[in-house]
C-alpha atoms as a PDB file:
ATOM      1  CA  MET A   1      56.425  32.838   2.153  1.00  0.00           C
ATOM      2  CA  ALA A   2      54.576  29.817   0.705  1.00  0.00           C
ATOM      3  CA  LYS A   3      55.922  28.176  -2.378  1.00  0.00           C
ATOM      4  CA  PHE A   4      53.787  27.820  -5.484  1.00  0.00           C
ATOM      5  CA  ALA A   5      53.896  23.997  -5.242  1.00  0.00           C
ATOM      6  CA  ASP A   6      52.611  24.140  -1.641  1.00  0.00           C
ATOM      7  CA  VAL A   7      49.735  26.407  -2.660  1.00  0.00           C
ATOM      8  CA  GLN A   8      48.912  24.071  -5.540  1.00  0.00           C
ATOM      9  CA  LYS A   9      48.809  21.039  -3.209  1.00  0.00           C
ATOM     10  CA  THR A  10      46.552  22.906  -0.795  1.00  0.00           C
ATOM     11  CA  MET A  11      44.183  23.882  -3.613  1.00  0.00           C
ATOM     12  CA  GLN A  12      44.068  20.288  -4.863  1.00  0.00           C
ATOM     13  CA  GLY A  13      43.184  19.171  -1.337  1.00  0.00           C
ATOM     14  CA  PHE A  14      40.267  21.609  -1.210  1.00  0.00           C
ATOM     15  CA  GLN A  15      39.084  20.447  -4.615  1.00  0.00           C
ATOM     16  CA  MET A  16      39.147  16.815  -3.457  1.00  0.00           C
ATOM     17  CA  ILE A  17      36.997  17.719  -0.458  1.00  0.00           C
ATOM     18  CA  GLU A  18      34.448  19.524  -2.666  1.00  0.00           C
ATOM     19  CA  LYS A  19      34.082  16.639  -5.142  1.00  0.00           C
ATOM     20  CA  LYS A  20      31.248  14.261  -4.498  1.00  0.00           C
ATOM     21  CA  THR A  21      31.467  10.536  -4.934  1.00  0.00           C
ATOM     22  CA  GLN A  22      29.395   8.879  -7.642  1.00  0.00           C
ATOM     23  CA  GLY A  23      27.127   7.457  -4.971  1.00  0.00           C
ATOM     24  CA  GLU A  24      26.543  10.890  -3.462  1.00  0.00           C
ATOM     25  CA  GLN A  25      25.825  12.358  -6.898  1.00  0.00           C
ATOM     26  CA  ALA A  26      23.385   9.545  -7.700  1.00  0.00           C
ATOM     27  CA  GLU A  27      21.624   9.963  -4.364  1.00  0.00           C
ATOM     28  CA  GLU A  28      21.319  13.725  -4.875  1.00  0.00           C
ATOM     29  CA  GLN A  29      19.916  13.232  -8.377  1.00  0.00           C
ATOM     30  CA  MET A  30      17.442  10.608  -7.124  1.00  0.00           C
ATOM     31  CA  ASN A  31      16.274  12.907  -4.313  1.00  0.00           C
ATOM     32  CA  LYS A  32      15.687  15.753  -6.799  1.00  0.00           C
ATOM     33  CA  PHE A  33      13.710  13.396  -9.045  1.00  0.00           C
ATOM     34  CA  ILE A  34      11.551  12.181  -6.154  1.00  0.00           C
ATOM     35  CA  GLU A  35      10.998  15.732  -4.898  1.00  0.00           C
ATOM     36  CA  SER A  36       9.885  16.935  -8.332  1.00  0.00           C
ATOM     37  CA  GLY A  37       7.435  14.016  -8.544  1.00  0.00           C
ATOM     38  CA  LEU A  38       6.032  14.789  -5.108  1.00  0.00           C
ATOM     39  CA  ASN A  39       5.587  18.435  -6.061  1.00  0.00           C
ATOM     40  CA  LYS A  40       3.497  17.366  -9.033  1.00  0.00           C
ATOM     41  CA  ILE A  41       1.313  15.155  -6.829  1.00  0.00           C
ATOM     42  CA  GLU A  42       0.888  17.780  -4.108  1.00  0.00           C
ATOM     43  CA  LYS A  43       0.091  20.563  -6.577  1.00  0.00           C
ATOM     44  CA  PRO A  44      -2.695  19.422  -8.894  1.00  0.00           C
ATOM     45  CA  PRO A  45      -3.287  21.445 -12.033  1.00  0.00           C
ATOM     46  CA  THR A  46      -5.282  24.590 -11.469  1.00  0.00           C
ATOM     47  CA  GLY A  47      -8.019  26.029 -13.620  1.00  0.00           C
ATOM     48  CA  LEU A  48     -10.039  24.326 -16.272  1.00  0.00           C
ATOM     49  CA  GLY A  49      -8.797  21.729 -18.675  1.00  0.00           C
ATOM     50  CA  PRO A  50      -9.653  21.821 -22.378  1.00  0.00           C
ATOM     51  CA  ALA A  51     -13.306  22.024 -23.395  1.00  0.00           C
ATOM     52  CA  GLU A  52     -13.000  19.139 -25.861  1.00  0.00           C
ATOM     53  CA  CYS A  53     -11.517  15.666 -25.518  1.00  0.00           C
ATOM     54  CA  SER A  54      -8.066  15.484 -27.074  1.00  0.00           C
ATOM     55  CA  ARG A  55      -8.818  12.015 -28.481  1.00  0.00           C
ATOM     56  CA  CYS A  56     -12.389  12.000 -29.743  1.00  0.00           C
ATOM     57  CA  GLY A  57     -13.316  15.694 -29.754  1.00  0.00           C
ATOM     58  CA  ASP A  58     -16.408  15.289 -27.551  1.00  0.00           C
ATOM     59  CA  GLU A  59     -17.257  18.087 -25.134  1.00  0.00           C
ATOM     60  CA  ILE A  60     -15.979  17.618 -21.569  1.00  0.00           C
ATOM     61  CA  PRO A  61     -18.370  18.759 -18.781  1.00  0.00           C
ATOM     62  CA  ILE A  62     -17.121  21.680 -16.676  1.00  0.00           C
ATOM     63  CA  ALA A  63     -17.117  19.639 -13.457  1.00  0.00           C
ATOM     64  CA  ARG A  64     -14.812  17.063 -15.043  1.00  0.00           C
ATOM     65  CA  ARG A  65     -12.579  19.788 -16.485  1.00  0.00           C
ATOM     66  CA  GLN A  66     -12.232  21.318 -13.022  1.00  0.00           C
ATOM     67  CA  ALA A  67     -11.620  17.992 -11.288  1.00  0.00           C
ATOM     68  CA  TYR A  68      -9.190  16.361 -13.710  1.00  0.00           C
ATOM     69  CA  GLY A  69      -8.069  18.850 -16.339  1.00  0.00           C
ATOM     70  CA  ASN A  70      -6.412  16.058 -18.321  1.00  0.00           C
ATOM     71  CA  GLY A  71      -8.261  16.755 -21.570  1.00  0.00           C
ATOM     72  CA  LEU A  72     -10.000  13.373 -21.781  1.00  0.00           C
ATOM     73  CA  CYS A  73     -13.719  12.652 -21.662  1.00  0.00           C
ATOM     74  CA  VAL A  74     -14.956   9.899 -19.342  1.00  0.00           C
ATOM     75  CA  TYR A  75     -15.072   7.310 -22.128  1.00  0.00           C
ATOM     76  CA  CYS A  76     -11.526   7.984 -23.386  1.00  0.00           C
ATOM     77  CA  ALA A  77     -10.157   8.163 -19.826  1.00  0.00           C
ATOM     78  CA  GLU A  78     -11.641   4.730 -19.081  1.00  0.00           C
ATOM     79  CA  LEU A  79     -10.116   3.340 -22.276  1.00  0.00           C
ATOM     80  CA  ASN A  80      -6.784   4.830 -21.280  1.00  0.00           C
ATOM     81  CA  GLU A  81      -6.922   3.195 -17.818  1.00  0.00           C
ATOM     82  CA  ARG A  82      -7.630  -0.246 -19.310  1.00  0.00           C
ATOM     83  CA  ARG A  83      -4.438  -0.183 -21.385  1.00  0.00           C
END
């Protein structure tokens, strides 16, 4: 019959195996971050964006709303890119 101390040592050994090093944890977190970014790039927003520009309130043409969906008219989007 196994002693309690022996069982405890065995359990601690299993726990040590399951723990990840800081480098492994950082790599896993970085991979999740990259994957979430790639998912956003690969899956553009669907549907129409807002009908009016969120900055100036001008109407946004339907074609632009379908293509970009970012809620900015052409003028405000160009200003945003220059910054």
